[in-house]
Amino acid sequence: MPAQQPTLDGTLPDTGLTYAEWADLVRPYFVTAAQSGRRFTSYEIAAENELPEPPNAKADWATSCSPWLATG
């Protein structure tokens, strides 16, 4: 594990969710939306359900949602 630099007050920053933890948390919301038959965007589902950002937000939203919708 790489070393973490402490913040100015001496505490270590929160590492947040791992990708697997995040995916397990948000997947049911997307499966439910897909099963409903309505059209939606990832943003709408995330905003409606106040879902957390993924560890790598620029890449993870697009790459993770597609397989869920295909299997949902």
C-alpha atoms as a PDB file:
ATOM      1  CA  MET A   1       0.000   0.000   0.000  1.00  0.00           C
ATOM      2  CA  PRO A   2       1.423   3.418  -0.890  1.00  0.00           C
ATOM      3  CA  ALA A   3       2.235   5.799   1.915  1.00  0.00           C
ATOM      4  CA  GLN A   4      -0.348   8.448   2.705  1.00  0.00           C
ATOM      5  CA  GLN A   5       0.563  12.002   3.498  1.00  0.00           C
ATOM      6  CA  PRO A   6      -1.171  13.325   6.605  1.00  0.00           C
ATOM      7  CA  THR A   7      -3.319  16.440   6.384  1.00  0.00           C
ATOM      8  CA  LEU A   8      -2.198  19.671   8.044  1.00  0.00           C
ATOM      9  CA  ASP A   9      -3.857  18.697  11.327  1.00  0.00           C
ATOM     10  CA  GLY A  10      -1.907  15.418  11.377  1.00  0.00           C
ATOM     11  CA  THR A  11      -4.764  13.042  10.556  1.00  0.00           C
ATOM     12  CA  LEU A  12      -4.787  10.691   7.596  1.00  0.00           C
ATOM     13  CA  PRO A  13      -7.387  11.358   4.893  1.00  0.00           C
ATOM     14  CA  ASP A  14     -10.311   8.978   4.513  1.00  0.00           C
ATOM     15  CA  THR A  15      -9.559   6.486   1.751  1.00  0.00           C
ATOM     16  CA  GLY A  16     -13.244   6.131   0.840  1.00  0.00           C
ATOM     17  CA  LEU A  17     -14.838   3.154  -0.832  1.00  0.00           C
ATOM     18  CA  THR A  18     -12.987   0.700  -3.020  1.00  0.00           C
ATOM     19  CA  TYR A  19     -14.369   0.132  -6.500  1.00  0.00           C
ATOM     20  CA  ALA A  20     -15.897  -3.210  -5.481  1.00  0.00           C
ATOM     21  CA  GLU A  21     -17.591  -1.680  -2.416  1.00  0.00           C
ATOM     22  CA  TRP A  22     -18.931   1.214  -4.477  1.00  0.00           C
ATOM     23  CA  ALA A  23     -20.201  -1.108  -7.221  1.00  0.00           C
ATOM     24  CA  ASP A  24     -21.995  -3.332  -4.696  1.00  0.00           C
ATOM     25  CA  LEU A  25     -23.623  -0.248  -3.187  1.00  0.00           C
ATOM     26  CA  VAL A  26     -24.924   1.395  -6.374  1.00  0.00           C
ATOM     27  CA  ARG A  27     -25.674  -1.587  -8.638  1.00  0.00           C
ATOM     28  CA  PRO A  28     -29.151  -2.371  -7.210  1.00  0.00           C
ATOM     29  CA  TYR A  29     -30.368   1.141  -8.056  1.00  0.00           C
ATOM     30  CA  PHE A  30     -29.366   0.769 -11.693  1.00  0.00           C
ATOM     31  CA  VAL A  31     -30.834  -2.719 -11.987  1.00  0.00           C
ATOM     32  CA  THR A  32     -34.130  -1.448 -10.579  1.00  0.00           C
ATOM     33  CA  ALA A  33     -34.143   1.449 -13.042  1.00  0.00           C
ATOM     34  CA  ALA A  34     -33.380  -0.893 -15.951  1.00  0.00           C
ATOM     35  CA  GLN A  35     -36.136  -3.294 -14.948  1.00  0.00           C
ATOM     36  CA  SER A  36     -38.636  -0.423 -14.794  1.00  0.00           C
ATOM     37  CA  GLY A  37     -38.348   0.074 -18.559  1.00  0.00           C
ATOM     38  CA  ARG A  38     -37.995   3.853 -18.329  1.00  0.00           C
ATOM     39  CA  ARG A  39     -35.227   5.786 -20.043  1.00  0.00           C
ATOM     40  CA  PHE A  40     -32.642   7.239 -17.696  1.00  0.00           C
ATOM     41  CA  THR A  41     -29.101   8.498 -17.415  1.00  0.00           C
ATOM     42  CA  SER A  42     -26.493   7.513 -14.849  1.00  0.00           C
ATOM     43  CA  TYR A  43     -26.643  11.063 -13.526  1.00  0.00           C
ATOM     44  CA  GLU A  44     -30.399  10.837 -12.916  1.00  0.00           C
ATOM     45  CA  ILE A  45     -30.123   7.592 -10.958  1.00  0.00           C
ATOM     46  CA  ALA A  46     -27.181   8.886  -8.921  1.00  0.00           C
ATOM     47  CA  ALA A  47     -28.926  12.183  -8.139  1.00  0.00           C
ATOM     48  CA  GLU A  48     -32.328  10.642  -7.331  1.00  0.00           C
ATOM     49  CA  ASN A  49     -30.769   8.160  -4.909  1.00  0.00           C
ATOM     50  CA  GLU A  50     -27.952  10.391  -3.605  1.00  0.00           C
ATOM     51  CA  LEU A  51     -25.346   7.813  -4.592  1.00  0.00           C
ATOM     52  CA  PRO A  52     -21.685   8.424  -3.719  1.00  0.00           C
ATOM     53  CA  GLU A  53     -19.079   9.183  -6.342  1.00  0.00           C
ATOM     54  CA  PRO A  54     -16.965   6.206  -7.435  1.00  0.00           C
ATOM     55  CA  PRO A  55     -13.257   6.079  -6.611  1.00  0.00           C
ATOM     56  CA  ASN A  56     -12.352   7.172 -10.177  1.00  0.00           C
ATOM     57  CA  ALA A  57     -15.376   9.223 -11.169  1.00  0.00           C
ATOM     58  CA  LYS A  58     -14.196  10.090 -14.685  1.00  0.00           C
ATOM     59  CA  ALA A  59     -13.906   6.435 -15.697  1.00  0.00           C
ATOM     60  CA  ASP A  60     -16.058   4.385 -13.336  1.00  0.00           C
ATOM     61  CA  TRP A  61     -19.509   5.810 -14.073  1.00  0.00           C
ATOM     62  CA  ALA A  62     -19.454   4.871 -17.728  1.00  0.00           C
ATOM     63  CA  THR A  63     -17.591   1.580 -17.571  1.00  0.00           C
ATOM     64  CA  SER A  64     -19.511   0.053 -14.683  1.00  0.00           C
ATOM     65  CA  CYS A  65     -23.084   0.871 -15.641  1.00  0.00           C
ATOM     66  CA  SER A  66     -23.154  -0.742 -19.072  1.00  0.00           C
ATOM     67  CA  PRO A  67     -22.647  -4.362 -17.915  1.00  0.00           C
ATOM     68  CA  TRP A  68     -25.203  -3.922 -15.129  1.00  0.00           C
ATOM     69  CA  LEU A  69     -27.850  -2.823 -17.564  1.00  0.00           C
ATOM     70  CA  ALA A  70     -27.122  -5.729 -19.888  1.00  0.00           C
ATOM     71  CA  THR A  71     -27.446  -8.263 -17.055  1.00  0.00           C
ATOM     72  CA  GLY A  72     -30.249  -6.498 -15.158  1.00  0.00           C
END
